[in-house]
Amino acid sequence: MPVPVVTETCYFIERDSGAEVEADFLGSFGAGAMFKMVDLSPVEWTRAADLIRTYADLPLGLIDAAVVAVAERLGATQIATLDRRHFNVVRPVHVAAFELLP
């Protein structure tokens, strides 16, 4: 999971479920959560900016662009998301399209 995703996830968790659930989510990273945090490299920040420009009509924001950039670096072909609208449109460089989960 790209680090910027945590911020957006925390926003939605706190908004929909409250501070206690948000705290549990954050604490799970220290307790060996199933997600591994991945920092963006300078190349990925640049790729994210390029994706935001390319898909400005969606608009594609930082979080989705960061997911694509990291997935490209890691060779990931599957994306776990509830945002099918954006990820159905974006074309990664390493595969024709992502397989969207769930």
N, C-alpha and C. Protein backbone atom coordinates (compact mmCIF):
# COMPACT_ATOMS: atom_id res chain seq x y z
N MET A 1 0.84 -1.17 0.00
CA MET A 1 0.00 0.00 0.00
C MET A 1 0.89 1.24 0.00
N PRO A 2 0.78 2.10 -1.01
CA PRO A 2 1.55 3.34 -0.99
C PRO A 2 1.20 4.17 0.24
N VAL A 3 2.19 4.74 0.86
CA VAL A 3 1.99 5.52 2.09
C VAL A 3 0.87 6.56 1.96
N PRO A 4 0.76 7.31 0.85
CA PRO A 4 -0.32 8.30 0.79
C PRO A 4 -1.73 7.71 0.93
N VAL A 5 -1.90 6.43 0.65
CA VAL A 5 -3.21 5.80 0.76
C VAL A 5 -3.70 5.80 2.21
N VAL A 6 -2.77 5.72 3.15
CA VAL A 6 -3.15 5.67 4.56
C VAL A 6 -3.95 6.91 4.96
N THR A 7 -3.55 8.06 4.50
CA THR A 7 -4.24 9.30 4.85
C THR A 7 -5.69 9.27 4.39
N GLU A 8 -5.91 8.90 3.14
CA GLU A 8 -7.28 8.85 2.62
C GLU A 8 -8.09 7.76 3.33
N THR A 9 -7.47 6.64 3.58
CA THR A 9 -8.16 5.55 4.27
C THR A 9 -8.58 5.98 5.68
N CYS A 10 -7.68 6.64 6.38
CA CYS A 10 -8.01 7.13 7.72
C CYS A 10 -9.16 8.12 7.69
N TYR A 11 -9.18 8.98 6.70
CA TYR A 11 -10.28 9.93 6.58
C TYR A 11 -11.62 9.20 6.49
N PHE A 12 -11.70 8.22 5.59
CA PHE A 12 -12.96 7.49 5.41
C PHE A 12 -13.33 6.64 6.62
N ILE A 13 -12.34 6.01 7.22
CA ILE A 13 -12.62 5.20 8.41
C ILE A 13 -13.15 6.07 9.54
N GLU A 14 -12.48 7.19 9.81
CA GLU A 14 -12.91 8.07 10.91
C GLU A 14 -14.29 8.64 10.61
N ARG A 15 -14.51 9.06 9.38
CA ARG A 15 -15.80 9.64 9.00
C ARG A 15 -16.94 8.63 9.16
N ASP A 16 -16.70 7.40 8.73
CA ASP A 16 -17.77 6.42 8.71
C ASP A 16 -17.86 5.56 9.97
N SER A 17 -16.74 5.38 10.68
CA SER A 17 -16.73 4.44 11.79
C SER A 17 -16.19 4.99 13.10
N GLY A 18 -15.58 6.17 13.07
CA GLY A 18 -15.12 6.79 14.30
C GLY A 18 -13.63 6.63 14.58
N ALA A 19 -13.20 7.36 15.58
CA ALA A 19 -11.78 7.45 15.92
C ALA A 19 -11.21 6.12 16.41
N GLU A 20 -11.99 5.35 17.14
CA GLU A 20 -11.49 4.08 17.68
C GLU A 20 -11.13 3.11 16.55
N VAL A 21 -11.97 3.02 15.55
CA VAL A 21 -11.69 2.13 14.41
C VAL A 21 -10.50 2.66 13.62
N GLU A 22 -10.41 3.97 13.47
CA GLU A 22 -9.26 4.55 12.79
C GLU A 22 -7.97 4.20 13.54
N ALA A 23 -7.98 4.34 14.86
CA ALA A 23 -6.81 4.02 15.67
C ALA A 23 -6.45 2.54 15.55
N ASP A 24 -7.46 1.68 15.52
CA ASP A 24 -7.20 0.24 15.35
C ASP A 24 -6.53 -0.02 14.00
N PHE A 25 -7.01 0.65 12.96
CA PHE A 25 -6.41 0.50 11.62
C PHE A 25 -4.94 0.91 11.65
N LEU A 26 -4.65 2.06 12.22
CA LEU A 26 -3.26 2.53 12.28
C LEU A 26 -2.40 1.60 13.13
N GLY A 27 -2.93 1.16 14.24
CA GLY A 27 -2.19 0.26 15.11
C GLY A 27 -1.89 -1.08 14.46
N SER A 28 -2.71 -1.47 13.49
CA SER A 28 -2.50 -2.75 12.83
C SER A 28 -1.18 -2.79 12.05
N PHE A 29 -0.69 -1.65 11.63
CA PHE A 29 0.58 -1.64 10.89
C PHE A 29 1.75 -1.98 11.79
N GLY A 30 1.67 -1.60 13.04
CA GLY A 30 2.70 -1.96 13.99
C GLY A 30 2.59 -3.39 14.47
N ALA A 31 1.43 -3.98 14.25
CA ALA A 31 1.18 -5.35 14.72
C ALA A 31 1.25 -6.36 13.58
N GLY A 32 1.89 -5.99 12.48
CA GLY A 32 2.05 -6.93 11.37
C GLY A 32 0.82 -7.06 10.51
N ALA A 33 0.23 -5.96 10.11
CA ALA A 33 -0.96 -5.98 9.27
C ALA A 33 -0.70 -6.70 7.95
N MET A 34 -1.79 -7.06 7.29
CA MET A 34 -1.66 -7.76 6.02
C MET A 34 -1.18 -6.84 4.90
N PHE A 35 -1.18 -5.54 5.13
CA PHE A 35 -0.69 -4.60 4.13
C PHE A 35 0.72 -4.15 4.48
N LYS A 36 1.56 -4.06 3.49
CA LYS A 36 2.90 -3.52 3.67
C LYS A 36 2.92 -2.10 3.11
N MET A 37 3.47 -1.17 3.89
CA MET A 37 3.56 0.21 3.44
C MET A 37 4.74 0.37 2.48
N VAL A 38 4.53 1.11 1.41
CA VAL A 38 5.56 1.32 0.40
C VAL A 38 5.71 2.82 0.17
N ASP A 39 6.92 3.33 0.37
CA ASP A 39 7.19 4.73 0.06
C ASP A 39 7.30 4.92 -1.44
N LEU A 40 6.97 6.10 -1.92
CA LEU A 40 7.13 6.42 -3.32
C LEU A 40 8.56 6.90 -3.57
N SER A 41 9.15 6.40 -4.62
CA SER A 41 10.48 6.86 -5.03
C SER A 41 10.32 8.14 -5.84
N PRO A 42 11.41 8.87 -6.09
CA PRO A 42 11.30 10.06 -6.94
C PRO A 42 10.70 9.74 -8.32
N VAL A 43 11.04 8.60 -8.87
CA VAL A 43 10.48 8.20 -10.17
C VAL A 43 8.97 8.03 -10.07
N GLU A 44 8.50 7.46 -8.96
CA GLU A 44 7.07 7.25 -8.79
C GLU A 44 6.31 8.55 -8.55
N TRP A 45 6.92 9.49 -7.86
CA TRP A 45 6.29 10.81 -7.72
C TRP A 45 6.12 11.45 -9.10
N THR A 46 7.14 11.32 -9.94
CA THR A 46 7.07 11.87 -11.30
C THR A 46 6.01 11.14 -12.11
N ARG A 47 5.97 9.82 -12.00
CA ARG A 47 4.97 9.02 -12.72
C ARG A 47 3.57 9.41 -12.25
N ALA A 48 3.38 9.60 -10.95
CA ALA A 48 2.08 10.01 -10.43
C ALA A 48 1.66 11.35 -11.03
N ALA A 49 2.59 12.29 -11.12
CA ALA A 49 2.28 13.59 -11.72
C ALA A 49 1.89 13.42 -13.19
N ASP A 50 2.61 12.57 -13.91
CA ASP A 50 2.29 12.32 -15.32
C ASP A 50 0.89 11.71 -15.47
N LEU A 51 0.57 10.76 -14.60
CA LEU A 51 -0.75 10.14 -14.64
C LEU A 51 -1.86 11.15 -14.35
N ILE A 52 -1.63 12.02 -13.39
CA ILE A 52 -2.63 13.05 -13.05
C ILE A 52 -2.85 13.96 -14.25
N ARG A 53 -1.79 14.32 -14.94
CA ARG A 53 -1.94 15.15 -16.15
C ARG A 53 -2.67 14.38 -17.26
N THR A 54 -2.27 13.15 -17.47
CA THR A 54 -2.86 12.34 -18.54
C THR A 54 -4.35 12.11 -18.33
N TYR A 55 -4.73 11.87 -17.09
CA TYR A 55 -6.13 11.56 -16.78
C TYR A 55 -6.82 12.71 -16.06
N ALA A 56 -6.46 13.94 -16.42
CA ALA A 56 -7.03 15.12 -15.77
C ALA A 56 -8.54 15.20 -15.92
N ASP A 57 -9.08 14.61 -16.98
CA ASP A 57 -10.52 14.67 -17.20
C ASP A 57 -11.31 13.76 -16.26
N LEU A 58 -10.65 12.83 -15.53
CA LEU A 58 -11.40 11.94 -14.62
C LEU A 58 -11.94 12.68 -13.41
N PRO A 59 -11.27 13.43 -12.63
CA PRO A 59 -9.83 13.60 -12.49
C PRO A 59 -9.21 12.48 -11.65
N LEU A 60 -7.98 12.17 -11.97
CA LEU A 60 -7.23 11.16 -11.22
C LEU A 60 -6.39 11.90 -10.18
N GLY A 61 -6.55 11.58 -8.94
CA GLY A 61 -5.84 12.26 -7.86
C GLY A 61 -4.59 11.53 -7.44
N LEU A 62 -3.92 12.08 -6.44
CA LEU A 62 -2.66 11.54 -5.95
C LEU A 62 -2.78 10.09 -5.50
N ILE A 63 -3.81 9.77 -4.75
CA ILE A 63 -3.90 8.43 -4.18
C ILE A 63 -3.95 7.38 -5.29
N ASP A 64 -4.85 7.56 -6.24
CA ASP A 64 -4.97 6.58 -7.33
C ASP A 64 -3.71 6.56 -8.19
N ALA A 65 -3.13 7.72 -8.45
CA ALA A 65 -1.90 7.77 -9.25
C ALA A 65 -0.75 7.08 -8.52
N ALA A 66 -0.68 7.24 -7.22
CA ALA A 66 0.37 6.57 -6.43
C ALA A 66 0.20 5.06 -6.47
N VAL A 67 -1.04 4.60 -6.39
CA VAL A 67 -1.30 3.15 -6.47
C VAL A 67 -0.83 2.61 -7.81
N VAL A 68 -1.13 3.30 -8.88
CA VAL A 68 -0.71 2.86 -10.22
C VAL A 68 0.81 2.85 -10.32
N ALA A 69 1.46 3.92 -9.88
CA ALA A 69 2.92 4.02 -9.99
C ALA A 69 3.62 2.91 -9.21
N VAL A 70 3.16 2.63 -8.01
CA VAL A 70 3.77 1.57 -7.20
C VAL A 70 3.47 0.20 -7.81
N ALA A 71 2.24 0.00 -8.28
CA ALA A 71 1.89 -1.27 -8.92
C ALA A 71 2.77 -1.52 -10.14
N GLU A 72 3.05 -0.48 -10.89
CA GLU A 72 3.93 -0.64 -12.04
C GLU A 72 5.33 -1.07 -11.61
N ARG A 73 5.86 -0.42 -10.58
CA ARG A 73 7.21 -0.78 -10.10
C ARG A 73 7.26 -2.22 -9.60
N LEU A 74 6.24 -2.62 -8.88
CA LEU A 74 6.23 -3.95 -8.28
C LEU A 74 5.74 -5.04 -9.24
N GLY A 75 5.25 -4.63 -10.41
CA GLY A 75 4.72 -5.59 -11.37
C GLY A 75 3.38 -6.17 -10.94
N ALA A 76 2.68 -5.48 -10.07
CA ALA A 76 1.38 -5.94 -9.59
C ALA A 76 0.34 -5.83 -10.70
N THR A 77 -0.47 -6.84 -10.84
CA THR A 77 -1.51 -6.84 -11.86
C THR A 77 -2.91 -6.73 -11.26
N GLN A 78 -3.00 -6.88 -9.94
CA GLN A 78 -4.28 -6.79 -9.24
C GLN A 78 -4.29 -5.57 -8.32
N ILE A 79 -5.43 -4.89 -8.29
CA ILE A 79 -5.61 -3.72 -7.42
C ILE A 79 -6.86 -3.96 -6.58
N ALA A 80 -6.74 -3.84 -5.27
CA ALA A 80 -7.90 -3.90 -4.39
C ALA A 80 -8.45 -2.48 -4.27
N THR A 81 -9.68 -2.28 -4.72
CA THR A 81 -10.24 -0.94 -4.74
C THR A 81 -11.76 -0.98 -4.78
N LEU A 82 -12.37 0.08 -4.29
CA LEU A 82 -13.79 0.29 -4.47
C LEU A 82 -14.02 1.32 -5.58
N ASP A 83 -12.94 1.87 -6.10
CA ASP A 83 -12.97 2.94 -7.11
C ASP A 83 -12.78 2.34 -8.51
N ARG A 84 -13.75 1.62 -8.96
CA ARG A 84 -13.65 0.97 -10.27
C ARG A 84 -13.65 1.99 -11.41
N ARG A 85 -14.29 3.11 -11.21
CA ARG A 85 -14.40 4.13 -12.27
C ARG A 85 -13.02 4.56 -12.74
N HIS A 86 -12.13 4.89 -11.83
CA HIS A 86 -10.79 5.35 -12.23
C HIS A 86 -9.92 4.21 -12.72
N PHE A 87 -9.90 3.11 -12.00
CA PHE A 87 -8.98 2.04 -12.36
C PHE A 87 -9.42 1.25 -13.59
N ASN A 88 -10.67 1.38 -14.02
CA ASN A 88 -11.09 0.79 -15.29
C ASN A 88 -10.57 1.59 -16.47
N VAL A 89 -10.27 2.85 -16.26
CA VAL A 89 -9.82 3.74 -17.33
C VAL A 89 -8.30 3.77 -17.46
N VAL A 90 -7.60 3.82 -16.35
CA VAL A 90 -6.15 3.99 -16.35
C VAL A 90 -5.47 2.77 -16.98
N ARG A 91 -4.51 3.02 -17.85
CA ARG A 91 -3.75 1.96 -18.51
C ARG A 91 -2.32 1.97 -17.98
N PRO A 92 -1.97 0.95 -17.20
CA PRO A 92 -0.60 0.86 -16.69
C PRO A 92 0.36 0.49 -17.81
N VAL A 93 1.65 0.71 -17.57
CA VAL A 93 2.65 0.43 -18.61
C VAL A 93 3.02 -1.04 -18.70
N HIS A 94 2.75 -1.82 -17.67
CA HIS A 94 3.24 -3.21 -17.63
C HIS A 94 2.20 -4.27 -17.97
N VAL A 95 0.93 -3.91 -18.02
CA VAL A 95 -0.16 -4.83 -18.41
C VAL A 95 -1.23 -4.01 -19.14
N ALA A 96 -2.09 -4.71 -19.86
CA ALA A 96 -3.14 -4.00 -20.59
C ALA A 96 -4.12 -3.29 -19.66
N ALA A 97 -4.42 -3.94 -18.55
CA ALA A 97 -5.33 -3.37 -17.55
C ALA A 97 -5.13 -4.11 -16.23
N PHE A 98 -5.50 -3.46 -15.15
CA PHE A 98 -5.45 -4.10 -13.84
C PHE A 98 -6.65 -5.02 -13.66
N GLU A 99 -6.46 -6.10 -12.92
CA GLU A 99 -7.58 -6.90 -12.44
C GLU A 99 -8.01 -6.25 -11.14
N LEU A 100 -9.27 -5.87 -11.08
CA LEU A 100 -9.77 -5.13 -9.91
C LEU A 100 -10.44 -6.07 -8.93
N LEU A 101 -10.04 -5.96 -7.67
CA LEU A 101 -10.57 -6.77 -6.59
C LEU A 101 -11.30 -5.86 -5.60
N PRO A 102 -12.31 -6.18 -4.92
CA PRO A 102 -13.05 -7.44 -5.01
C PRO A 102 -13.89 -7.47 -6.24
